[in-house]
C-alpha atoms as a PDB file:
ATOM      1  CA  MET A   1      66.394 132.825 -45.001  1.00  0.00           C
ATOM      2  CA  LYS A   2      65.053 134.955 -42.147  1.00  0.00           C
ATOM      3  CA  GLN A   3      66.836 138.285 -41.904  1.00  0.00           C
ATOM      4  CA  ASN A   4      66.490 139.836 -38.469  1.00  0.00           C
ATOM      5  CA  LEU A   5      67.025 143.415 -37.513  1.00  0.00           C
ATOM      6  CA  ASN A   6      70.299 143.450 -35.624  1.00  0.00           C
ATOM      7  CA  PHE A   7      69.602 144.670 -32.082  1.00  0.00           C
ATOM      8  CA  ASP A   8      73.267 145.614 -31.691  1.00  0.00           C
ATOM      9  CA  ASP A   9      72.891 148.107 -34.542  1.00  0.00           C
ATOM     10  CA  ILE A  10      69.507 149.516 -33.474  1.00  0.00           C
ATOM     11  CA  LYS A  11      69.998 151.904 -30.571  1.00  0.00           C
ATOM     12  CA  ARG A  12      66.437 153.222 -30.384  1.00  0.00           C
ATOM     13  CA  ILE A  13      62.943 152.998 -31.819  1.00  0.00           C
ATOM     14  CA  GLU A  14      60.904 156.185 -32.198  1.00  0.00           C
ATOM     15  CA  PHE A  15      57.113 156.182 -32.389  1.00  0.00           C
ATOM     16  CA  SER A  16      55.034 158.897 -34.047  1.00  0.00           C
ATOM     17  CA  SER A  17      51.284 159.589 -34.117  1.00  0.00           C
ATOM     18  CA  PHE A  18      50.253 156.755 -31.769  1.00  0.00           C
ATOM     19  CA  PRO A  19      47.728 157.314 -28.960  1.00  0.00           C
ATOM     20  CA  ASP A  20      49.068 157.569 -25.400  1.00  0.00           C
ATOM     21  CA  GLY A  21      49.570 154.205 -23.732  1.00  0.00           C
ATOM     22  CA  VAL A  22      49.693 152.229 -26.969  1.00  0.00           C
ATOM     23  CA  VAL A  23      53.401 152.887 -27.507  1.00  0.00           C
ATOM     24  CA  ILE A  24      54.348 151.151 -24.253  1.00  0.00           C
ATOM     25  CA  GLU A  25      52.303 148.063 -25.125  1.00  0.00           C
ATOM     26  CA  ILE A  26      53.761 147.889 -28.654  1.00  0.00           C
ATOM     27  CA  ALA A  27      57.299 148.417 -27.313  1.00  0.00           C
ATOM     28  CA  LYS A  28      56.833 145.564 -24.818  1.00  0.00           C
ATOM     29  CA  ALA A  29      55.623 143.278 -27.615  1.00  0.00           C
ATOM     30  CA  ILE A  30      58.593 144.218 -29.814  1.00  0.00           C
ATOM     31  CA  ALA A  31      61.024 143.546 -26.967  1.00  0.00           C
ATOM     32  CA  ALA A  32      59.413 140.167 -26.283  1.00  0.00           C
ATOM     33  CA  SER A  33      59.641 139.235 -29.983  1.00  0.00           C
ATOM     34  CA  TRP A  34      63.206 140.432 -30.594  1.00  0.00           C
ATOM     35  CA  PRO A  35      64.996 139.490 -32.838  1.00  0.00           C
ATOM     36  CA  ILE A  36      62.279 140.295 -35.353  1.00  0.00           C
ATOM     37  CA  ASN A  37      62.255 140.768 -39.106  1.00  0.00           C
ATOM     38  CA  LEU A  38      60.559 143.660 -40.882  1.00  0.00           C
ATOM     39  CA  MET A  39      57.421 141.772 -41.924  1.00  0.00           C
ATOM     40  CA  GLU A  40      56.944 140.402 -38.404  1.00  0.00           C
ATOM     41  CA  LEU A  41      57.342 143.933 -37.032  1.00  0.00           C
ATOM     42  CA  ILE A  42      54.651 145.234 -39.387  1.00  0.00           C
ATOM     43  CA  ASP A  43      52.332 142.320 -38.529  1.00  0.00           C
ATOM     44  CA  LEU A  44      52.898 142.874 -34.813  1.00  0.00           C
ATOM     45  CA  ILE A  45      51.931 146.552 -35.010  1.00  0.00           C
ATOM     46  CA  GLU A  46      48.926 145.736 -37.210  1.00  0.00           C
ATOM     47  CA  SER A  47      47.799 143.232 -34.549  1.00  0.00           C
ATOM     48  CA  PHE A  48      47.344 146.232 -32.231  1.00  0.00           C
ATOM     49  CA  GLY A  49      45.027 147.790 -34.842  1.00  0.00           C
ATOM     50  CA  TYR A  50      47.390 150.316 -36.443  1.00  0.00           C
ATOM     51  CA  LEU A  51      48.834 150.637 -39.931  1.00  0.00           C
ATOM     52  CA  PRO A  52      52.546 151.433 -39.552  1.00  0.00           C
ATOM     53  CA  PHE A  53      54.943 153.266 -41.821  1.00  0.00           C
ATOM     54  CA  ILE A  54      58.486 152.237 -40.910  1.00  0.00           C
ATOM     55  CA  GLU A  55      61.622 154.193 -41.731  1.00  0.00           C
ATOM     56  CA  MET A  56      64.888 152.383 -41.077  1.00  0.00           C
ATOM     57  CA  TYR A  57      68.128 154.220 -40.480  1.00  0.00           C
ATOM     58  CA  THR A  58      71.615 153.009 -39.614  1.00  0.00           C
ATOM     59  CA  ASP A  59      71.084 152.833 -35.867  1.00  0.00           C
ATOM     60  CA  TYR A  60      67.390 153.525 -35.251  1.00  0.00           C
ATOM     61  CA  ILE A  61      63.867 152.922 -36.545  1.00  0.00           C
ATOM     62  CA  VAL A  62      60.958 155.375 -36.793  1.00  0.00           C
ATOM     63  CA  ILE A  63      57.490 153.819 -36.663  1.00  0.00           C
ATOM     64  CA  GLU A  64      54.690 156.159 -37.687  1.00  0.00           C
ATOM     65  CA  ASN A  65      51.019 155.377 -37.314  1.00  0.00           C
ATOM     66  CA  LEU A  66      49.378 156.039 -40.677  1.00  0.00           C
ATOM     67  CA  LYS A  67      45.891 155.188 -39.465  1.00  0.00           C
ATOM     68  CA  GLU A  68      43.894 153.126 -37.022  1.00  0.00           C
ATOM     69  CA  LEU A  69      42.623 149.955 -38.631  1.00  0.00           C
ATOM     70  CA  LYS A  70      38.959 149.104 -38.203  1.00  0.00           C
ATOM     71  CA  VAL A  71      38.507 145.651 -36.702  1.00  0.00           C
END
C-alpha cells in the first residue's frame, strides 16, 4: 500500500544547505509529483544530485542537503 504525505497536513517545506537556485527546481518537481511518498521524495531529490536528510514534523518537512552526489 502506497502511503502518501498528506498535503492537507503539510503546510510548508523548508530547505537547508542547498545551493541557490536548486531549491526552486526541487520545489517545482515536488509540487508536480504531489502526492508523493517518502521514498519517492528521497529519490526525487537524489535525481538532482543531492543526498537529503528529511525531518518530518506534524505540519511541515525539513529537507537538508547532506552532500552533493558525484554523478
